[in-house]
Each structure stands twice: as C-alpha cells, then as structure tokens.
Amino acid sequence: MATYSSAARSTDPRPHVLVLGGNFAGLGAAQKIRHYAGDAVRITVIDRKSRLLYVPNIPLEVFENRNPAENLFMDIVGPLAADDIGFIRAEVQAIDPIAQTVTWVPCERPGSASETQDYDYLVIALGNRLAFDRIEGFAEYGHSVTDTFQGEKLRRYLHEAYRGGPIAIGSARFHQGDGANGLQPYPGGSIPAALAACEGPPVEVMLSMADWLQRHGKGGADKVTVFTPANLIAEDAGEKVVGELLGIAGKMGFHYLNNTQDIKRITRGGIEFADGRTVEAELKIVFPDWRAHDFLRGLPIADSEGFIVTDLAMRNPKFPAVFAAGDAAAVTVPKLGAIGHQECDLVGRQIAFDLGRIDEDMAAKRLEPEVLCIGDMGSGRAFYIRSNSWFGGNTQVLKMGRLPHFLKMRYMDLFYRNHGKVPDWGLDAAELMAEGHFG
C-alpha cells in the first residue's frame, strides 16, 4: 500500500494528483482518474477519516430503529490501495493554487506537525460544512439525519422519548455563491439559484415519518408540517414532479409552509422563521445551510461563498490544474450525490486527456446535471425522481412503490460490494427499472 508522510519525498517521476476528500466524490474521483489515466499518474487521497459514510440510508436506519453507525461505514484505505492509490489521514489546512501546494496536519494523533506538498493536479472533493452552529437552539432542541451522530440522537428520541406531539421537518436557507453564473448545461438552461441545498432528504423524512407514526399507533401525516425557505419544496425536481408530490402530501394530511426565508431559531416549543411565522413542534428535524470550508474562502479558485469555481468539465478556468467534484464545487446545485457521480467521471476524463491516455472525443463530454433521487417512504416503499428540467432539460419523472425501494437497497449493496465502483450500467438499469421499461 502506497502511503506518504510527505509525498514530496517520493522518487516516483509520474505526475502527482492530490485528491482532497475521501467520501463519495473524493473516492469516486480517485477511482475514475485511475480508470481513465491508468498508470500514467500517482494518486494520493487526503481525508481526516479513513471510512466513507453512506449518508443516503441514514433515515431508513433511524426509522427501522437501527443505530446508523453500525451499518453505514465503509473502509476506503484497502480499496484505494488495491488501485495503487495512496492515502493520508489528515486535516487540510490551506491550498495555494499559485504555488500548487497543499498544507495539512496528520490527524491520527494530536500534536502532529503540518506538512506541505506540491501537486501536478489537484481535485477538491472536501464536501462542505453543515452549519448547525448557525441555527440558534439547534443543539438543545433540534434533530437531523445528516450523519450517524444526528441519526442516532434522533433514533433514540423517536423510539424512547417521543411524546406524540407535532413534528416539523424542513430546511434552513442555503447561501449559494456566484461560481456557476453563466454556465449553460442544456441549450437555453442554467445552473439556477437555490434557497435550499438539497430537499430530497426532507421529503424522504416526512413521508417515512408519516408511515412510522401510523405503524406505531401515534397518528399520521396530519401531525407533520414540512417547510421550505423556497417557493417550492424540492424545486430542483421540476414543477410537474413537485406538483404531484404536493398533491399526494395534501391528500395524506401533511401541513406545508413555503417561503419561510430561513430558520430564525429553534425553541423547546417549535421553530421561529425569518419571515415572522412560527410552527409548534415537539420534534424539530432540520437540514442546515451547507457552507464551504473556511480555508477555501477568499482563494482565487473560489466563488463569493467559498465554493470552487469550475467550467462544465469540472476544471477551474483560471488554474487549469485544479478540479472540483461533489458538494465543494460551485456548479453542484443541488448538493446531490448523483450529480457528484457525473462530475467524478468528467474529472477522470480531463486528467487522462491531458496525459494523452484518451482521445478528444472521449474528453469532450460536459456536465449535464440530472436530479436522480430515490427516497425511502417506509414499509418497503420508496419514491424515485429523475429530472433535468430545472437546468433546462425536458425530463421529469416521479414513481412510487416497492421497486424503487428495492433499487435503493440494491444500489447500496452494489456500492459496498464493488468498493464504490458503481458502473454506469448500474445507474442506467436503475433508471430503466424504476421507469417501468422492463420488469
């Protein structure tokens, strides 16, 4: 296994690719670079943890009364080593795109000295900061499903302490930067401005919550208020799909608040919104603003909010050795795993093309973002959304039933079994099956 206390000391003459981040986008980018560029490059992944967190299935584990920390981690050191990709467990402190260096501190044990490494290519896939610390009252009165700590905290409350009161589920306002302005992924389209980072999870949690309440004899959807800072919840799914969702939710009895602007504070008795409205709730499940890491702000590769500026090939226009994928990229709106998967493939193609490993036709592909979301609804059912209309495309699909749930679970199995290498045919097959093209 190739590991480096400082990769600068290596005598390997190949161009060195540093990948910052080791969750979905970081692991995927490193694997795609190796796939397309072969042995033409040396690759090192840096992350503060050596395990990938499988975030999409946290709500399902919570509602099934399972601790999500027991089932949703995957080691990445072994799979990376199998592809001759080095790994450093460290906290990234600084990036200098002019000098082409990255500074980090190894974080296996406290007190390590910082290391500085130069690179030939840099892929920033560090994700984001979940800004719970900017929501007054969250620590005392709020819940979420964004990581295993929050998931386990909610699981224990839901299954051990919930008194049967009203429930509020929704998003704080997302502060999007200007890094994707002017990009046109489809003819006449754009990367729109979003007021919520990603609202597939709130929709998933609200539907699963209604099922859980009913199964446990604690009521139903009429106890739940779902809220959004935007005009439409899950607006990235397209007006047709959202209209169908809201129609179904209304018939089920859900309460709906839009245009809340932001969460002002969470109290013991409910949530106060920036527009002056309030909602009473015993249980407050919220999804925070997604902010860029502080050390990225002000860099010449970052936008007004610290997200990394790229073109539709995921390359920074001012510093062509710098790429971004996943939530750290300004173009990733909404912050959605399926879009990150597309971006990793593009990063791999671009670096391989620079090194002469693929031809111009293979490298000509550009990002055509598509919302692909499968959300649990409880009792073995799920919803499936595939849409690109928000970006200027013409596709909007919504399906509900047992087949999408089957696909959600089999996708995770496939991901684990192949150590994150989910083939494109796997995604295509999921789409075709969910849309009923074959049984």
Protein backbone atom coordinates (compact mmCIF):
# COMPACT_ATOMS: atom_id res chain seq x y z
CA MET A 1 0.00 0.00 0.00
CA ALA A 2 1.41 3.39 -1.00
CA THR A 3 1.33 5.91 1.83
CA TYR A 4 3.38 9.04 2.32
CA SER A 5 4.26 11.15 5.34
CA SER A 6 5.12 13.72 2.68
CA ALA A 7 4.61 12.79 -0.95
CA ALA A 8 7.26 15.39 -1.84
CA ARG A 9 9.88 12.83 -0.75
CA SER A 10 8.74 10.28 -3.32
CA THR A 11 11.08 9.46 -6.18
CA ASP A 12 8.16 8.45 -8.42
CA PRO A 13 8.51 10.64 -11.55
CA ARG A 14 4.88 10.41 -12.62
CA PRO A 15 2.59 13.47 -12.37
CA HIS A 16 1.06 13.58 -8.92
CA VAL A 17 -2.69 14.01 -8.40
CA LEU A 18 -3.79 15.09 -4.93
CA VAL A 19 -7.45 14.35 -4.18
CA LEU A 20 -8.76 16.21 -1.14
CA GLY A 21 -11.66 14.30 0.40
CA GLY A 22 -12.48 10.62 0.67
CA ASN A 23 -16.26 10.32 0.76
CA PHE A 24 -18.40 9.78 -2.36
CA ALA A 25 -16.82 12.46 -4.56
CA GLY A 26 -13.23 12.01 -3.37
CA LEU A 27 -13.27 8.22 -3.63
CA GLY A 28 -15.11 8.37 -6.95
CA ALA A 29 -12.76 10.94 -8.45
CA ALA A 30 -9.64 8.97 -7.46
CA GLN A 31 -11.08 5.77 -8.91
CA LYS A 32 -12.14 7.45 -12.16
CA ILE A 33 -8.72 9.07 -12.61
CA ARG A 34 -7.07 5.67 -12.20
CA HIS A 35 -9.62 4.10 -14.56
CA TYR A 36 -9.04 6.58 -17.39
CA ALA A 37 -5.38 7.54 -16.84
CA GLY A 38 -4.11 4.11 -15.88
CA ASP A 39 -0.57 4.05 -14.54
CA ALA A 40 0.31 7.45 -16.03
CA VAL A 41 -0.25 9.19 -12.68
CA ARG A 42 0.49 8.86 -8.98
CA ILE A 43 -2.64 9.49 -6.88
CA THR A 44 -2.93 10.39 -3.20
CA VAL A 45 -6.19 10.88 -1.31
CA ILE A 46 -6.22 13.02 1.84
CA ASP A 47 -9.09 12.90 4.33
CA ARG A 48 -9.47 13.35 8.07
CA LYS A 49 -11.16 9.96 8.29
CA SER A 50 -10.42 6.61 6.70
CA ARG A 51 -14.04 5.49 6.31
CA LEU A 52 -16.75 6.56 3.89
CA LEU A 53 -20.13 7.43 5.42
CA TYR A 54 -23.05 6.15 3.34
CA VAL A 55 -25.27 9.16 4.05
CA PRO A 56 -28.34 8.32 1.87
CA ASN A 57 -29.53 5.46 4.09
CA ILE A 58 -29.35 7.18 7.49
CA PRO A 59 -33.11 7.98 7.61
CA LEU A 60 -34.01 4.38 6.77
CA GLU A 61 -31.84 3.05 9.60
CA VAL A 62 -33.34 5.55 12.05
CA PHE A 63 -36.95 4.66 11.30
CA GLU A 64 -36.15 0.94 11.47
CA ASN A 65 -34.69 1.52 14.97
CA ARG A 66 -31.13 0.63 14.00
CA ASN A 67 -28.07 2.65 15.01
CA PRO A 68 -26.82 4.02 11.64
CA ALA A 69 -23.20 3.91 12.85
CA GLU A 70 -23.34 0.10 12.83
CA ASN A 71 -24.08 -0.34 9.11
CA LEU A 72 -23.19 2.74 7.10
CA PHE A 73 -19.39 2.98 7.11
CA MET A 74 -17.02 1.54 4.52
CA ASP A 75 -13.22 1.42 4.83
CA ILE A 76 -11.51 3.25 1.97
CA VAL A 77 -7.82 2.54 2.66
CA GLY A 78 -7.92 -1.02 1.35
CA PRO A 79 -9.93 -0.26 -1.79
CA LEU A 80 -7.63 2.68 -2.62
CA ALA A 81 -4.53 0.56 -2.07
CA ALA A 82 -5.92 -2.09 -4.44
CA ASP A 83 -5.81 0.58 -7.17
CA ASP A 84 -2.33 1.78 -6.14
CA ILE A 85 -3.76 4.97 -4.67
CA GLY A 86 -2.08 6.37 -1.56
CA PHE A 87 -4.00 7.60 1.46
CA ILE A 88 -3.11 10.16 4.13
CA ARG A 89 -5.33 10.64 7.15
CA ALA A 90 -5.04 14.38 7.74
CA GLU A 91 -6.91 17.66 8.11
CA VAL A 92 -6.37 20.01 5.17
CA GLN A 93 -5.40 23.49 6.34
CA ALA A 94 -4.55 25.51 3.23
CA ILE A 95 -4.33 25.47 -0.56
CA ASP A 96 -2.02 27.70 -2.60
CA PRO A 97 -3.08 27.36 -6.25
CA ILE A 98 -0.31 29.70 -7.41
CA ALA A 99 2.50 27.69 -5.80
CA GLN A 100 0.50 24.47 -6.42
CA THR A 101 0.81 23.29 -2.82
CA VAL A 102 -1.47 21.92 -0.13
CA THR A 103 -0.79 22.10 3.61
CA TRP A 104 -2.29 19.62 6.05
CA VAL A 105 -1.86 18.24 9.57
CA PRO A 106 -1.87 14.45 10.08
CA CYS A 107 -4.73 13.71 12.46
CA GLU A 108 -4.22 10.14 13.63
CA ARG A 109 -2.85 11.52 16.93
CA PRO A 110 -2.85 15.05 18.37
CA GLY A 111 0.24 17.22 18.12
CA SER A 112 1.42 16.39 14.60
CA ALA A 113 3.48 18.89 12.63
CA SER A 114 1.97 20.32 9.46
CA GLU A 115 3.11 19.03 6.05
CA THR A 116 3.20 20.88 2.74
CA GLN A 117 3.03 19.05 -0.57
CA ASP A 118 3.17 20.22 -4.15
CA TYR A 119 0.94 18.73 -6.84
CA ASP A 120 0.61 18.49 -10.58
CA TYR A 121 -3.19 18.16 -10.40
CA LEU A 122 -5.50 18.96 -7.51
CA VAL A 123 -9.04 17.63 -7.09
CA ILE A 124 -11.06 19.34 -4.36
CA ALA A 125 -13.77 16.98 -3.13
CA LEU A 126 -13.95 18.03 0.51
CA GLY A 127 -17.70 18.36 0.71
CA ASN A 128 -18.93 21.18 2.92
CA ARG A 129 -19.62 22.31 6.46
CA LEU A 130 -23.10 21.66 7.79
CA ALA A 131 -23.87 24.95 9.53
CA PHE A 132 -25.86 23.68 12.53
CA ASP A 133 -23.76 26.05 14.63
CA ARG A 134 -25.55 28.96 12.90
CA ILE A 135 -29.02 27.79 13.99
CA GLU A 136 -29.87 29.18 17.41
CA GLY A 137 -31.27 26.47 19.66
CA PHE A 138 -30.41 23.50 17.46
CA ALA A 139 -28.07 21.80 19.93
CA GLU A 140 -30.70 21.97 22.66
CA TYR A 141 -33.89 21.30 20.72
CA GLY A 142 -33.12 20.22 17.16
CA HIS A 143 -32.65 16.89 15.37
CA SER A 144 -31.42 15.79 11.96
CA VAL A 145 -30.27 12.79 9.88
CA THR A 146 -27.15 14.27 8.27
CA ASP A 147 -24.62 11.98 9.97
CA THR A 148 -24.61 8.98 12.29
CA PHE A 149 -24.38 11.12 15.44
CA GLN A 150 -27.50 13.09 14.50
CA GLY A 151 -29.20 9.94 13.25
CA GLU A 152 -28.60 8.05 16.49
CA LYS A 153 -29.72 11.06 18.54
CA LEU A 154 -32.99 11.16 16.56
CA ARG A 155 -33.45 7.38 16.73
CA ARG A 156 -33.22 7.38 20.50
CA TYR A 157 -35.61 10.29 20.85
CA LEU A 158 -38.11 8.88 18.39
CA HIS A 159 -38.17 5.37 19.82
CA GLU A 160 -37.60 6.15 23.50
CA ALA A 161 -38.78 9.68 24.33
CA TYR A 162 -41.24 10.96 21.72
CA ARG A 163 -44.47 12.01 23.46
CA GLY A 164 -46.72 12.12 20.40
CA GLY A 165 -46.64 15.87 19.73
CA PRO A 166 -46.50 17.78 16.44
CA ILE A 167 -43.47 17.43 14.17
CA ALA A 168 -41.75 19.98 11.89
CA ILE A 169 -39.40 18.94 9.09
CA GLY A 170 -37.57 21.27 6.70
CA SER A 171 -34.57 23.31 5.61
CA ALA A 172 -32.64 26.37 6.66
CA ARG A 173 -31.69 28.74 3.86
CA PHE A 174 -28.76 27.80 1.63
CA HIS A 175 -26.37 30.63 0.75
CA GLN A 176 -25.24 29.88 -2.78
CA GLY A 177 -22.22 31.59 -4.30
CA ASP A 178 -21.82 33.05 -7.78
CA GLY A 179 -19.39 30.46 -9.12
CA ALA A 180 -21.82 28.82 -11.55
CA ASN A 181 -23.22 32.03 -13.04
CA GLY A 182 -23.35 31.95 -16.83
CA LEU A 183 -22.93 28.19 -17.23
CA GLN A 184 -25.40 26.58 -19.62
CA PRO A 185 -25.57 22.79 -19.20
CA TYR A 186 -28.52 22.48 -21.62
CA PRO A 187 -29.41 24.79 -24.53
CA GLY A 188 -31.07 27.84 -23.02
CA GLY A 189 -30.64 26.47 -19.49
CA SER A 190 -28.57 27.47 -16.48
CA ILE A 191 -27.43 26.44 -13.02
CA PRO A 192 -30.27 28.05 -11.04
CA ALA A 193 -30.03 29.77 -7.67
CA ALA A 194 -31.30 27.54 -4.86
CA LEU A 195 -32.63 28.60 -1.47
CA ALA A 196 -32.20 25.08 -0.02
CA ALA A 197 -29.11 22.93 -0.55
CA CYS A 198 -30.99 19.68 -1.21
CA GLU A 199 -34.59 18.87 -0.35
CA GLY A 200 -34.83 15.23 -1.30
CA PRO A 201 -34.00 14.31 2.32
CA PRO A 202 -36.77 16.44 3.90
CA VAL A 203 -39.30 14.88 1.51
CA GLU A 204 -37.97 11.41 2.33
CA VAL A 205 -38.09 12.02 6.09
CA MET A 206 -41.60 13.47 6.02
CA LEU A 207 -43.02 10.50 4.09
CA SER A 208 -41.15 7.98 6.25
CA MET A 209 -42.29 9.81 9.38
CA ALA A 210 -45.95 9.53 8.40
CA ASP A 211 -45.51 5.80 7.87
CA TRP A 212 -43.69 5.42 11.21
CA LEU A 213 -46.39 7.30 13.10
CA GLN A 214 -49.09 5.13 11.60
CA ARG A 215 -47.23 1.86 12.21
CA HIS A 216 -46.63 2.78 15.84
CA GLY A 217 -50.17 3.97 16.54
CA LYS A 218 -49.11 7.57 17.10
CA GLY A 219 -51.15 9.27 14.40
CA GLY A 220 -50.27 10.09 10.81
CA ALA A 221 -49.27 12.76 8.33
CA ASP A 222 -51.54 15.38 9.88
CA LYS A 223 -49.06 15.69 12.77
CA VAL A 224 -46.29 16.77 10.38
CA THR A 225 -45.55 20.23 9.00
CA VAL A 226 -42.98 20.35 6.22
CA PHE A 227 -41.36 23.71 5.47
CA THR A 228 -39.00 25.28 2.94
CA PRO A 229 -37.30 28.67 2.52
CA ALA A 230 -38.10 28.49 -1.20
CA ASN A 231 -41.32 29.00 -3.13
CA LEU A 232 -41.48 25.25 -3.81
CA ILE A 233 -40.03 22.42 -1.78
CA ALA A 234 -37.62 20.23 -3.81
CA GLU A 235 -37.81 22.76 -6.63
CA ASP A 236 -34.91 21.05 -8.43
CA ALA A 237 -37.24 18.11 -9.17
CA GLY A 238 -39.29 20.30 -11.52
CA GLU A 239 -42.71 21.90 -11.18
CA LYS A 240 -44.57 18.89 -12.57
CA VAL A 241 -42.98 16.45 -10.13
CA VAL A 242 -43.32 18.84 -7.17
CA GLY A 243 -46.97 19.42 -8.08
CA GLU A 244 -47.59 15.68 -7.96
CA LEU A 245 -45.74 15.37 -4.64
CA LEU A 246 -47.64 18.24 -3.05
CA GLY A 247 -50.95 16.83 -4.28
CA ILE A 248 -50.18 13.45 -2.70
CA ALA A 249 -48.92 15.08 0.51
CA GLY A 250 -52.02 17.26 0.78
CA LYS A 251 -54.34 14.26 0.47
CA MET A 252 -52.32 12.44 3.14
CA GLY A 253 -52.83 15.37 5.54
CA PHE A 254 -49.38 16.98 5.70
CA HIS A 255 -49.17 20.70 6.52
CA TYR A 256 -46.95 22.79 4.24
CA LEU A 257 -45.17 26.11 4.75
CA ASN A 258 -43.20 27.71 1.92
CA ASN A 259 -41.25 30.97 1.62
CA THR A 260 -40.15 30.81 5.26
CA GLN A 261 -36.90 32.54 4.18
CA ASP A 262 -34.80 30.87 6.90
CA ILE A 263 -34.86 29.39 10.39
CA LYS A 264 -34.53 32.19 12.93
CA ARG A 265 -34.34 29.98 16.00
CA ILE A 266 -35.44 26.64 17.42
CA THR A 267 -37.13 26.59 20.82
CA ARG A 268 -38.49 23.90 23.07
CA GLY A 269 -41.96 24.56 21.68
CA GLY A 270 -41.23 24.90 17.95
CA ILE A 271 -39.48 26.86 15.23
CA GLU A 272 -39.44 30.60 14.53
CA PHE A 273 -38.87 31.58 10.90
CA ALA A 274 -37.20 34.64 9.41
CA ASP A 275 -40.48 35.73 7.78
CA GLY A 276 -42.12 36.07 11.22
CA ARG A 277 -44.17 32.88 11.20
CA THR A 278 -43.84 30.11 13.78
CA VAL A 279 -44.75 26.44 13.90
CA GLU A 280 -45.45 24.44 17.04
CA ALA A 281 -43.47 21.21 17.24
CA GLU A 282 -42.26 18.74 19.83
CA LEU A 283 -39.84 17.22 17.31
CA LYS A 284 -37.86 19.54 15.03
CA ILE A 285 -35.94 17.78 12.20
CA VAL A 286 -33.96 20.33 10.22
CA PHE A 287 -31.46 20.42 7.38
CA PRO A 288 -28.93 23.25 7.70
CA ASP A 289 -27.19 25.67 5.38
CA TRP A 290 -24.29 23.99 3.56
CA ARG A 291 -21.24 26.25 3.73
CA ALA A 292 -17.80 25.98 2.18
CA HIS A 293 -14.83 25.21 4.42
CA ASP A 294 -13.39 28.38 5.92
CA PHE A 295 -9.91 27.95 4.44
CA LEU A 296 -11.36 27.94 0.91
CA ARG A 297 -12.93 31.36 1.27
CA GLY A 298 -11.04 34.14 -0.47
CA LEU A 299 -8.94 31.82 -2.63
CA PRO A 300 -8.64 32.76 -6.33
CA ILE A 301 -10.25 29.40 -7.20
CA ALA A 302 -13.33 30.03 -5.04
CA ASP A 303 -16.54 31.98 -5.54
CA SER A 304 -18.24 34.52 -3.27
CA GLU A 305 -19.23 31.82 -0.75
CA GLY A 306 -16.07 29.72 -0.94
CA PHE A 307 -17.28 27.03 -3.34
CA ILE A 308 -14.80 26.04 -6.06
CA VAL A 309 -15.39 27.61 -9.47
CA THR A 310 -15.27 25.24 -12.45
CA ASP A 311 -16.46 25.03 -16.01
CA LEU A 312 -18.74 22.20 -17.11
CA ALA A 313 -15.71 19.90 -17.40
CA MET A 314 -15.11 20.49 -13.66
CA ARG A 315 -11.85 22.40 -14.28
CA ASN A 316 -11.11 25.80 -12.76
CA PRO A 317 -10.87 28.34 -15.61
CA LYS A 318 -8.02 30.34 -14.03
CA PHE A 319 -5.98 27.44 -12.66
CA PRO A 320 -6.33 24.51 -15.10
CA ALA A 321 -4.52 22.09 -12.78
CA VAL A 322 -7.37 22.45 -10.24
CA PHE A 323 -10.61 20.47 -10.42
CA ALA A 324 -13.57 20.07 -8.08
CA ALA A 325 -16.28 17.44 -7.65
CA GLY A 326 -19.20 16.92 -5.32
CA ASP A 327 -20.52 19.40 -2.79
CA ALA A 328 -17.37 21.57 -2.79
CA ALA A 329 -17.96 22.52 -6.44
CA ALA A 330 -19.96 25.69 -7.12
CA VAL A 331 -21.72 24.00 -10.04
CA THR A 332 -23.14 21.27 -7.76
CA VAL A 333 -26.62 22.67 -7.15
CA PRO A 334 -28.46 20.97 -5.56
CA LYS A 335 -25.85 19.24 -3.40
CA LEU A 336 -26.76 15.80 -4.67
CA GLY A 337 -24.77 12.56 -4.90
CA ALA A 338 -25.95 11.66 -8.40
CA ILE A 339 -24.55 14.92 -9.76
CA GLY A 340 -21.26 14.31 -7.94
CA HIS A 341 -21.05 10.89 -9.61
CA GLN A 342 -21.28 12.55 -13.03
CA GLU A 343 -18.63 15.08 -12.05
CA CYS A 344 -16.11 12.44 -10.94
CA ASP A 345 -16.28 10.83 -14.35
CA LEU A 346 -15.56 14.18 -16.01
CA VAL A 347 -12.54 14.82 -13.77
CA GLY A 348 -11.10 11.44 -14.67
CA ARG A 349 -11.56 12.06 -18.38
CA GLN A 350 -9.97 15.53 -18.29
CA ILE A 351 -6.81 14.45 -16.48
CA ALA A 352 -6.46 11.37 -18.68
CA PHE A 353 -6.79 13.56 -21.79
CA ASP A 354 -4.08 15.92 -20.55
CA LEU A 355 -1.78 12.93 -20.20
CA GLY A 356 -2.61 11.52 -23.64
CA ARG A 357 -4.47 8.47 -22.32
CA ILE A 358 -7.83 9.14 -24.01
CA ASP A 359 -8.77 10.88 -27.25
CA GLU A 360 -10.52 14.20 -27.79
CA ASP A 361 -13.92 12.63 -28.40
CA MET A 362 -13.88 10.88 -25.00
CA ALA A 363 -12.76 14.08 -23.30
CA ALA A 364 -15.43 16.23 -24.95
CA LYS A 365 -18.16 15.21 -22.51
CA ARG A 366 -19.51 18.04 -20.34
CA LEU A 367 -21.73 18.14 -17.27
CA GLU A 368 -25.43 17.73 -17.98
CA PRO A 369 -26.74 17.70 -14.40
CA GLU A 370 -29.68 15.48 -13.66
CA VAL A 371 -31.53 15.05 -10.38
CA LEU A 372 -31.69 11.34 -9.59
CA CYS A 373 -33.17 10.64 -6.17
CA ILE A 374 -34.57 7.51 -4.51
CA GLY A 375 -36.10 8.20 -1.10
CA ASP A 376 -37.49 5.78 1.45
CA MET A 377 -41.20 6.06 2.34
CA GLY A 378 -41.31 3.29 4.97
CA SER A 379 -42.91 -0.17 4.87
CA GLY A 380 -40.80 -1.28 1.92
CA ARG A 381 -41.83 1.56 -0.40
CA ALA A 382 -39.88 4.47 -1.89
CA PHE A 383 -40.16 7.30 -4.39
CA TYR A 384 -37.98 7.72 -7.46
CA ILE A 385 -37.33 11.10 -9.11
CA ARG A 386 -35.41 11.72 -12.31
CA SER A 387 -35.45 15.26 -13.66
CA ASN A 388 -33.29 17.78 -15.51
CA SER A 389 -35.94 20.41 -16.23
CA TRP A 390 -34.57 22.78 -13.55
CA PHE A 391 -31.36 23.06 -15.60
CA GLY A 392 -33.07 23.47 -18.97
CA GLY A 393 -33.75 19.85 -19.91
CA ASN A 394 -37.11 18.27 -20.65
CA THR A 395 -37.27 15.23 -18.33
CA GLN A 396 -39.47 14.96 -15.23
CA VAL A 397 -40.29 11.51 -13.82
CA LEU A 398 -41.86 10.54 -10.47
CA LYS A 399 -42.56 6.93 -9.47
CA MET A 400 -43.60 5.47 -6.12
CA GLY A 401 -43.76 1.87 -4.97
CA ARG A 402 -41.80 -1.19 -3.92
CA LEU A 403 -39.45 -1.34 -6.91
CA PRO A 404 -37.74 1.99 -6.09
CA HIS A 405 -37.18 0.72 -2.53
CA PHE A 406 -35.65 -2.48 -3.88
CA LEU A 407 -33.35 -0.40 -6.09
CA LYS A 408 -32.32 1.85 -3.19
CA MET A 409 -31.21 -1.15 -1.14
CA ARG A 410 -29.56 -2.99 -4.04
CA TYR A 411 -27.62 0.13 -5.00
CA MET A 412 -26.08 0.25 -1.54
CA ASP A 413 -25.21 -3.45 -1.76
CA LEU A 414 -23.58 -2.88 -5.15
CA PHE A 415 -21.67 0.13 -3.84
CA TYR A 416 -20.26 -1.80 -0.88
CA ARG A 417 -19.51 -4.94 -2.87
CA ASN A 418 -17.55 -3.00 -5.51
CA HIS A 419 -15.90 -0.60 -3.02
CA GLY A 420 -17.60 2.44 -4.54
CA LYS A 421 -17.08 1.49 -8.18
CA VAL A 422 -20.67 1.61 -9.35
CA PRO A 423 -20.68 1.06 -13.12
CA ASP A 424 -22.68 3.38 -15.32
CA TRP A 425 -24.81 0.46 -16.45
CA GLY A 426 -25.91 0.04 -12.83
CA LEU A 427 -27.28 3.57 -12.77
CA ASP A 428 -28.88 3.17 -16.18
CA ALA A 429 -30.52 -0.10 -15.17
CA ALA A 430 -31.92 1.52 -12.03
CA GLU A 431 -33.45 4.30 -14.10
CA LEU A 432 -34.98 1.91 -16.62
CA MET A 433 -36.42 -0.40 -13.98
CA ALA A 434 -37.89 2.44 -11.92
CA GLU A 435 -39.48 3.92 -15.01
CA GLY A 436 -41.11 0.63 -15.88
CA HIS A 437 -39.30 -0.11 -19.13
CA PHE A 438 -38.72 -3.66 -18.00
CA GLY A 439 -39.81 -5.71 -15.03
